[in-house]
Amino acid sequence: MGQPEIIKGENYSDIRGNLFFNNKLDLSNIKRLYYIENVNTELIRGWTGHKVEQRWFSAVYGSFIIRLIKIDSWENPNEETDILEFELNADQLDVLHMPKGYASAIQAKVEKSKLLVMVDHSLGEIDDDYRFPINYFKKLV
């Protein structure tokens, strides 16, 4: 199992405008994608974990704080586990890779922000959603 990492995007500008790209992102494992728009900036969507699936996240509008936790036990995870925190902004094409074995909590920093989510399994291909109450991990509250 890997560690979460930011895959840095780049940009280029000239008289025609701006080009944002991420040539380091390997899309060969992606089977589906969708985007998330939280109802407001107070809502924290999570905790949702995956034993098998991987996720890649990129802000397409606005910005997000994404918190990840390495799950030590899917039946009874440690409530005091360390929370990793990442920020994604739409003015860059950075992509956060969440390997299998993690749970995420997602919070928009700007109203109407949109987060692109890419997944390495088709919808319904496997049963791999594990949900925990948002206040389960004490360090977030």
N, C-alpha and C. Protein backbone atom coordinates (compact mmCIF):
# COMPACT_ATOMS: atom_id res chain seq x y z
N MET A 1 0.83 -1.19 0.00
CA MET A 1 0.00 0.00 0.00
C MET A 1 0.87 1.25 0.00
N GLY A 2 0.52 2.19 -0.82
CA GLY A 2 1.27 3.43 -0.90
C GLY A 2 0.81 4.46 0.11
N GLN A 3 1.47 5.59 0.06
CA GLN A 3 1.14 6.73 0.89
C GLN A 3 0.39 7.76 0.04
N PRO A 4 -0.50 8.55 0.66
CA PRO A 4 -1.13 9.63 -0.10
C PRO A 4 -0.07 10.61 -0.59
N GLU A 5 -0.29 11.15 -1.77
CA GLU A 5 0.67 12.11 -2.31
C GLU A 5 -0.03 13.09 -3.24
N ILE A 6 0.52 14.29 -3.29
CA ILE A 6 0.07 15.29 -4.25
C ILE A 6 0.90 15.12 -5.52
N ILE A 7 0.23 14.97 -6.63
CA ILE A 7 0.89 14.93 -7.94
C ILE A 7 0.74 16.34 -8.50
N LYS A 8 1.85 17.06 -8.56
CA LYS A 8 1.84 18.49 -8.87
C LYS A 8 1.49 18.75 -10.33
N GLY A 9 0.55 19.67 -10.51
CA GLY A 9 0.21 20.14 -11.84
C GLY A 9 1.10 21.31 -12.23
N GLU A 10 1.00 21.72 -13.45
CA GLU A 10 1.78 22.84 -13.96
C GLU A 10 0.88 23.73 -14.81
N ASN A 11 1.41 24.88 -15.22
CA ASN A 11 0.65 25.75 -16.10
C ASN A 11 1.59 26.51 -17.03
N TYR A 12 1.00 26.99 -18.09
CA TYR A 12 1.73 27.76 -19.09
C TYR A 12 0.82 28.90 -19.52
N SER A 13 1.38 30.09 -19.67
CA SER A 13 0.61 31.25 -20.11
C SER A 13 1.31 31.93 -21.27
N ASP A 14 0.52 32.40 -22.22
CA ASP A 14 1.03 33.24 -23.29
C ASP A 14 -0.09 34.21 -23.68
N ILE A 15 0.04 34.86 -24.82
CA ILE A 15 -0.95 35.87 -25.19
C ILE A 15 -2.34 35.29 -25.45
N ARG A 16 -2.42 34.00 -25.69
CA ARG A 16 -3.71 33.34 -25.95
C ARG A 16 -4.47 33.02 -24.67
N GLY A 17 -3.75 32.94 -23.54
CA GLY A 17 -4.40 32.58 -22.27
C GLY A 17 -3.55 31.60 -21.47
N ASN A 18 -4.23 30.77 -20.71
CA ASN A 18 -3.56 29.86 -19.78
C ASN A 18 -3.85 28.41 -20.12
N LEU A 19 -2.87 27.58 -19.86
CA LEU A 19 -3.00 26.13 -20.04
C LEU A 19 -2.58 25.48 -18.73
N PHE A 20 -3.45 24.67 -18.16
CA PHE A 20 -3.15 23.94 -16.93
C PHE A 20 -3.04 22.46 -17.30
N PHE A 21 -2.00 21.79 -16.81
CA PHE A 21 -1.79 20.40 -17.18
C PHE A 21 -1.13 19.63 -16.04
N ASN A 22 -1.24 18.30 -16.12
CA ASN A 22 -0.58 17.43 -15.17
C ASN A 22 -0.08 16.22 -15.93
N ASN A 23 1.12 16.35 -16.47
CA ASN A 23 1.71 15.28 -17.28
C ASN A 23 2.27 14.14 -16.44
N LYS A 24 2.30 14.31 -15.12
CA LYS A 24 2.82 13.27 -14.23
C LYS A 24 1.72 12.30 -13.79
N LEU A 25 0.47 12.67 -13.99
CA LEU A 25 -0.65 11.83 -13.57
C LEU A 25 -0.88 10.71 -14.58
N ASP A 26 -0.81 9.47 -14.12
CA ASP A 26 -1.06 8.30 -14.96
C ASP A 26 -2.54 7.94 -14.85
N LEU A 27 -3.29 8.10 -15.91
CA LEU A 27 -4.73 7.85 -15.91
C LEU A 27 -5.09 6.42 -16.33
N SER A 28 -4.12 5.55 -16.50
CA SER A 28 -4.41 4.22 -17.02
C SER A 28 -5.27 3.36 -16.09
N ASN A 29 -5.31 3.65 -14.80
CA ASN A 29 -6.12 2.87 -13.86
C ASN A 29 -7.52 3.43 -13.65
N ILE A 30 -7.82 4.59 -14.19
CA ILE A 30 -9.11 5.25 -13.95
C ILE A 30 -10.22 4.56 -14.73
N LYS A 31 -11.31 4.19 -14.03
CA LYS A 31 -12.45 3.57 -14.67
C LYS A 31 -13.70 4.44 -14.64
N ARG A 32 -13.74 5.40 -13.72
CA ARG A 32 -14.91 6.29 -13.66
C ARG A 32 -14.51 7.58 -12.97
N LEU A 33 -15.35 8.61 -13.18
CA LEU A 33 -15.12 9.88 -12.51
C LEU A 33 -16.44 10.58 -12.26
N TYR A 34 -16.41 11.46 -11.28
CA TYR A 34 -17.57 12.27 -10.92
C TYR A 34 -17.04 13.50 -10.21
N TYR A 35 -17.90 14.47 -9.94
CA TYR A 35 -17.43 15.57 -9.11
C TYR A 35 -18.41 15.84 -7.99
N ILE A 36 -17.86 16.44 -6.93
CA ILE A 36 -18.59 16.74 -5.70
C ILE A 36 -18.70 18.25 -5.56
N GLU A 37 -19.89 18.71 -5.18
CA GLU A 37 -20.09 20.10 -4.82
C GLU A 37 -20.84 20.11 -3.49
N ASN A 38 -20.14 20.44 -2.41
CA ASN A 38 -20.78 20.48 -1.09
C ASN A 38 -21.79 21.62 -1.03
N VAL A 39 -22.79 21.47 -0.18
CA VAL A 39 -23.87 22.45 -0.05
C VAL A 39 -23.37 23.78 0.50
N ASN A 40 -22.31 23.76 1.32
CA ASN A 40 -21.72 24.98 1.86
C ASN A 40 -20.30 24.68 2.35
N THR A 41 -19.66 25.68 2.93
CA THR A 41 -18.27 25.50 3.38
C THR A 41 -18.18 24.93 4.79
N GLU A 42 -19.28 24.84 5.50
CA GLU A 42 -19.26 24.27 6.85
C GLU A 42 -19.34 22.74 6.82
N LEU A 43 -20.03 22.21 5.82
CA LEU A 43 -20.23 20.76 5.74
C LEU A 43 -18.90 20.05 5.50
N ILE A 44 -18.69 18.98 6.26
CA ILE A 44 -17.54 18.09 6.02
C ILE A 44 -18.13 16.75 5.59
N ARG A 45 -17.87 16.37 4.35
CA ARG A 45 -18.39 15.13 3.79
C ARG A 45 -17.40 14.00 4.13
N GLY A 46 -17.84 13.04 4.89
CA GLY A 46 -16.96 11.95 5.27
C GLY A 46 -17.49 11.31 6.54
N TRP A 47 -16.79 10.48 7.07
CA TRP A 47 -15.61 9.74 6.63
C TRP A 47 -16.05 8.57 5.77
N THR A 48 -15.49 8.45 4.58
CA THR A 48 -15.76 7.34 3.68
C THR A 48 -14.43 6.69 3.33
N GLY A 49 -14.35 5.37 3.56
CA GLY A 49 -13.10 4.66 3.32
C GLY A 49 -13.26 3.53 2.33
N HIS A 50 -12.10 3.08 1.85
CA HIS A 50 -12.08 2.01 0.84
C HIS A 50 -10.89 1.10 1.09
N LYS A 51 -11.20 -0.21 1.28
CA LYS A 51 -10.13 -1.21 1.45
C LYS A 51 -9.39 -1.45 0.14
N VAL A 52 -10.13 -1.44 -0.96
CA VAL A 52 -9.60 -1.86 -2.26
C VAL A 52 -9.45 -0.70 -3.25
N GLU A 53 -10.45 0.15 -3.32
CA GLU A 53 -10.44 1.24 -4.31
C GLU A 53 -9.44 2.33 -3.95
N GLN A 54 -8.93 2.95 -5.01
CA GLN A 54 -8.11 4.14 -4.89
C GLN A 54 -8.91 5.31 -5.42
N ARG A 55 -8.56 6.51 -4.97
CA ARG A 55 -9.20 7.74 -5.44
C ARG A 55 -8.11 8.75 -5.81
N TRP A 56 -8.44 9.59 -6.79
CA TRP A 56 -7.62 10.74 -7.14
C TRP A 56 -8.54 11.94 -7.11
N PHE A 57 -8.13 13.03 -6.47
CA PHE A 57 -8.95 14.22 -6.30
C PHE A 57 -8.27 15.42 -6.94
N SER A 58 -9.05 16.28 -7.59
CA SER A 58 -8.53 17.53 -8.14
C SER A 58 -9.63 18.59 -8.09
N ALA A 59 -9.32 19.76 -7.56
CA ALA A 59 -10.28 20.86 -7.52
C ALA A 59 -10.42 21.45 -8.92
N VAL A 60 -11.65 21.50 -9.43
CA VAL A 60 -11.88 22.10 -10.74
C VAL A 60 -12.47 23.50 -10.63
N TYR A 61 -12.98 23.83 -9.44
CA TYR A 61 -13.46 25.19 -9.15
C TYR A 61 -13.32 25.41 -7.65
N GLY A 62 -12.76 26.54 -7.26
CA GLY A 62 -12.63 26.85 -5.84
C GLY A 62 -11.49 26.11 -5.18
N SER A 63 -11.71 25.71 -3.93
CA SER A 63 -10.67 24.99 -3.21
C SER A 63 -11.28 24.09 -2.14
N PHE A 64 -10.53 23.09 -1.75
CA PHE A 64 -10.98 22.08 -0.79
C PHE A 64 -9.87 21.75 0.20
N ILE A 65 -10.30 21.37 1.40
CA ILE A 65 -9.44 20.71 2.36
C ILE A 65 -9.86 19.24 2.34
N ILE A 66 -8.90 18.37 2.13
CA ILE A 66 -9.18 16.94 2.14
C ILE A 66 -8.35 16.32 3.25
N ARG A 67 -9.05 15.64 4.14
CA ARG A 67 -8.39 14.97 5.25
C ARG A 67 -8.43 13.46 5.01
N LEU A 68 -7.31 12.80 5.24
CA LEU A 68 -7.21 11.36 5.04
C LEU A 68 -6.74 10.68 6.31
N ILE A 69 -7.26 9.49 6.54
CA ILE A 69 -6.86 8.67 7.67
C ILE A 69 -6.56 7.28 7.16
N LYS A 70 -5.42 6.75 7.58
CA LYS A 70 -5.08 5.35 7.30
C LYS A 70 -5.87 4.50 8.27
N ILE A 71 -6.71 3.62 7.76
CA ILE A 71 -7.57 2.80 8.61
C ILE A 71 -6.81 1.56 9.08
N ASP A 72 -6.73 1.41 10.40
CA ASP A 72 -6.01 0.27 10.97
C ASP A 72 -6.91 -0.94 11.20
N SER A 73 -8.21 -0.70 11.37
CA SER A 73 -9.18 -1.78 11.56
C SER A 73 -10.51 -1.30 10.99
N TRP A 74 -11.04 -2.00 10.02
CA TRP A 74 -12.28 -1.57 9.37
C TRP A 74 -13.49 -1.77 10.27
N GLU A 75 -13.40 -2.68 11.23
CA GLU A 75 -14.51 -2.92 12.15
C GLU A 75 -14.48 -1.95 13.33
N ASN A 76 -13.29 -1.56 13.79
CA ASN A 76 -13.16 -0.71 14.96
C ASN A 76 -11.89 0.14 14.85
N PRO A 77 -11.89 1.15 13.98
CA PRO A 77 -10.67 1.93 13.78
C PRO A 77 -10.29 2.76 15.01
N ASN A 78 -9.02 3.01 15.14
CA ASN A 78 -8.49 3.83 16.23
C ASN A 78 -9.04 5.25 16.11
N GLU A 79 -9.75 5.71 17.13
CA GLU A 79 -10.36 7.04 17.12
C GLU A 79 -9.32 8.16 17.20
N GLU A 80 -8.12 7.84 17.65
CA GLU A 80 -7.06 8.84 17.85
C GLU A 80 -6.03 8.83 16.72
N THR A 81 -6.33 8.16 15.63
CA THR A 81 -5.37 8.05 14.53
C THR A 81 -5.02 9.42 13.96
N ASP A 82 -3.83 9.53 13.40
CA ASP A 82 -3.38 10.79 12.80
C ASP A 82 -4.20 11.12 11.57
N ILE A 83 -4.52 12.39 11.43
CA ILE A 83 -5.26 12.87 10.27
C ILE A 83 -4.30 13.65 9.39
N LEU A 84 -4.17 13.23 8.14
CA LEU A 84 -3.36 13.95 7.15
C LEU A 84 -4.26 14.99 6.49
N GLU A 85 -3.74 16.19 6.26
CA GLU A 85 -4.56 17.25 5.67
C GLU A 85 -3.89 17.80 4.42
N PHE A 86 -4.67 17.92 3.36
CA PHE A 86 -4.19 18.43 2.08
C PHE A 86 -5.14 19.52 1.60
N GLU A 87 -4.59 20.50 0.89
CA GLU A 87 -5.41 21.54 0.28
C GLU A 87 -5.24 21.48 -1.23
N LEU A 88 -6.37 21.49 -1.93
CA LEU A 88 -6.36 21.52 -3.40
C LEU A 88 -7.06 22.78 -3.86
N ASN A 89 -6.46 23.46 -4.84
CA ASN A 89 -7.00 24.70 -5.39
C ASN A 89 -7.17 24.58 -6.89
N ALA A 90 -8.24 25.17 -7.41
CA ALA A 90 -8.53 25.08 -8.84
C ALA A 90 -7.54 25.85 -9.70
N ASP A 91 -6.77 26.77 -9.13
CA ASP A 91 -5.82 27.52 -9.94
C ASP A 91 -4.55 26.72 -10.24
N GLN A 92 -4.54 25.47 -9.82
CA GLN A 92 -3.46 24.54 -10.14
C GLN A 92 -4.14 23.24 -10.56
N LEU A 93 -3.45 22.41 -11.24
CA LEU A 93 -4.02 21.11 -11.60
C LEU A 93 -3.32 20.02 -10.79
N ASP A 94 -3.16 20.30 -9.47
CA ASP A 94 -2.62 19.29 -8.57
C ASP A 94 -3.66 18.20 -8.38
N VAL A 95 -3.19 16.97 -8.20
CA VAL A 95 -4.07 15.83 -7.97
C VAL A 95 -3.59 15.13 -6.70
N LEU A 96 -4.51 14.89 -5.79
CA LEU A 96 -4.21 14.13 -4.58
C LEU A 96 -4.56 12.67 -4.83
N HIS A 97 -3.58 11.79 -4.64
CA HIS A 97 -3.83 10.35 -4.77
C HIS A 97 -4.10 9.78 -3.38
N MET A 98 -5.26 9.12 -3.21
CA MET A 98 -5.60 8.41 -1.99
C MET A 98 -5.52 6.92 -2.28
N PRO A 99 -4.46 6.26 -1.77
CA PRO A 99 -4.34 4.81 -2.00
C PRO A 99 -5.44 4.04 -1.28
N LYS A 100 -5.57 2.77 -1.61
CA LYS A 100 -6.50 1.92 -0.89
C LYS A 100 -6.09 1.86 0.58
N GLY A 101 -7.10 1.64 1.46
CA GLY A 101 -6.82 1.53 2.88
C GLY A 101 -7.00 2.83 3.65
N TYR A 102 -7.52 3.86 3.00
CA TYR A 102 -7.71 5.16 3.64
C TYR A 102 -9.18 5.55 3.64
N ALA A 103 -9.52 6.49 4.54
CA ALA A 103 -10.84 7.12 4.56
C ALA A 103 -10.63 8.62 4.37
N SER A 104 -11.61 9.28 3.76
CA SER A 104 -11.49 10.71 3.46
C SER A 104 -12.63 11.50 4.09
N ALA A 105 -12.31 12.77 4.37
CA ALA A 105 -13.31 13.76 4.78
C ALA A 105 -13.02 15.00 3.94
N ILE A 106 -14.04 15.53 3.28
CA ILE A 106 -13.87 16.57 2.27
C ILE A 106 -14.66 17.81 2.67
N GLN A 107 -13.99 18.97 2.65
CA GLN A 107 -14.63 20.23 3.01
C GLN A 107 -14.25 21.30 1.99
N ALA A 108 -15.26 21.96 1.42
CA ALA A 108 -15.02 23.07 0.51
C ALA A 108 -14.57 24.29 1.31
N LYS A 109 -13.62 25.04 0.76
CA LYS A 109 -13.18 26.28 1.40
C LYS A 109 -13.87 27.49 0.81
N VAL A 110 -14.42 27.33 -0.40
CA VAL A 110 -15.08 28.41 -1.13
C VAL A 110 -16.44 27.89 -1.58
N GLU A 111 -17.47 28.72 -1.46
CA GLU A 111 -18.81 28.33 -1.91
C GLU A 111 -18.78 27.90 -3.38
N LYS A 112 -19.58 26.90 -3.69
CA LYS A 112 -19.76 26.37 -5.05
C LYS A 112 -18.51 25.69 -5.60
N SER A 113 -17.54 25.36 -4.74
CA SER A 113 -16.35 24.64 -5.19
C SER A 113 -16.74 23.27 -5.74
N LYS A 114 -15.99 22.81 -6.74
CA LYS A 114 -16.24 21.51 -7.35
C LYS A 114 -14.96 20.69 -7.29
N LEU A 115 -15.10 19.43 -6.85
CA LEU A 115 -13.98 18.51 -6.71
C LEU A 115 -14.16 17.34 -7.65
N LEU A 116 -13.22 17.17 -8.58
CA LEU A 116 -13.24 16.02 -9.49
C LEU A 116 -12.68 14.82 -8.73
N VAL A 117 -13.40 13.68 -8.81
CA VAL A 117 -12.98 12.45 -8.17
C VAL A 117 -12.85 11.38 -9.25
N MET A 118 -11.70 10.73 -9.27
CA MET A 118 -11.43 9.65 -10.22
C MET A 118 -11.22 8.37 -9.42
N VAL A 119 -11.75 7.25 -9.94
CA VAL A 119 -11.76 5.98 -9.20
C VAL A 119 -11.24 4.87 -10.10
N ASP A 120 -10.58 3.88 -9.49
CA ASP A 120 -10.00 2.79 -10.27
C ASP A 120 -10.90 1.56 -10.39
N HIS A 121 -12.17 1.65 -9.98
CA HIS A 121 -13.13 0.56 -10.17
C HIS A 121 -14.45 1.14 -10.69
N SER A 122 -15.14 0.36 -11.50
CA SER A 122 -16.43 0.78 -12.02
C SER A 122 -17.47 0.74 -10.91
N LEU A 123 -18.51 1.53 -11.05
CA LEU A 123 -19.60 1.55 -10.08
C LEU A 123 -20.24 0.16 -10.01
N GLY A 124 -20.35 -0.39 -8.80
CA GLY A 124 -20.93 -1.70 -8.62
C GLY A 124 -19.99 -2.87 -8.86
N GLU A 125 -18.78 -2.59 -9.30
CA GLU A 125 -17.82 -3.67 -9.58
C GLU A 125 -17.45 -4.41 -8.28
N ILE A 126 -17.29 -3.67 -7.20
CA ILE A 126 -16.99 -4.25 -5.90
C ILE A 126 -17.81 -3.52 -4.84
N ASP A 127 -17.97 -4.14 -3.68
CA ASP A 127 -18.65 -3.51 -2.54
C ASP A 127 -17.55 -3.06 -1.58
N ASP A 128 -17.21 -1.77 -1.60
CA ASP A 128 -16.01 -1.31 -0.90
C ASP A 128 -16.20 0.04 -0.21
N ASP A 129 -17.41 0.37 0.22
CA ASP A 129 -17.64 1.62 0.94
C ASP A 129 -17.74 1.34 2.43
N TYR A 130 -16.94 2.06 3.21
CA TYR A 130 -16.96 1.98 4.66
C TYR A 130 -17.17 3.39 5.17
N ARG A 131 -18.22 3.58 5.95
CA ARG A 131 -18.56 4.93 6.42
C ARG A 131 -18.47 4.99 7.94
N PHE A 132 -17.93 6.12 8.40
CA PHE A 132 -17.80 6.38 9.83
C PHE A 132 -18.40 7.76 10.10
N PRO A 133 -19.01 7.97 11.27
CA PRO A 133 -19.57 9.30 11.61
C PRO A 133 -18.48 10.36 11.54
N ILE A 134 -18.85 11.57 11.15
CA ILE A 134 -17.88 12.65 10.98
C ILE A 134 -17.15 12.97 12.28
N ASN A 135 -17.78 12.72 13.41
CA ASN A 135 -17.13 13.00 14.70
C ASN A 135 -16.45 11.77 15.31
N TYR A 136 -16.33 10.69 14.56
CA TYR A 136 -15.71 9.46 15.06
C TYR A 136 -14.24 9.69 15.42
N PHE A 137 -13.52 10.35 14.55
CA PHE A 137 -12.10 10.59 14.79
C PHE A 137 -11.96 11.91 15.53
N LYS A 138 -11.61 11.84 16.78
CA LYS A 138 -11.68 12.96 17.71
C LYS A 138 -10.85 14.18 17.32
N LYS A 139 -9.77 13.99 16.61
CA LYS A 139 -8.91 15.13 16.27
C LYS A 139 -9.57 16.09 15.28
N LEU A 140 -10.58 15.63 14.54
CA LEU A 140 -11.24 16.50 13.55
C LEU A 140 -12.23 17.44 14.21
N VAL A 141 -12.85 17.00 15.28
CA VAL A 141 -13.91 17.77 15.93
C VAL A 141 -13.33 18.87 16.80
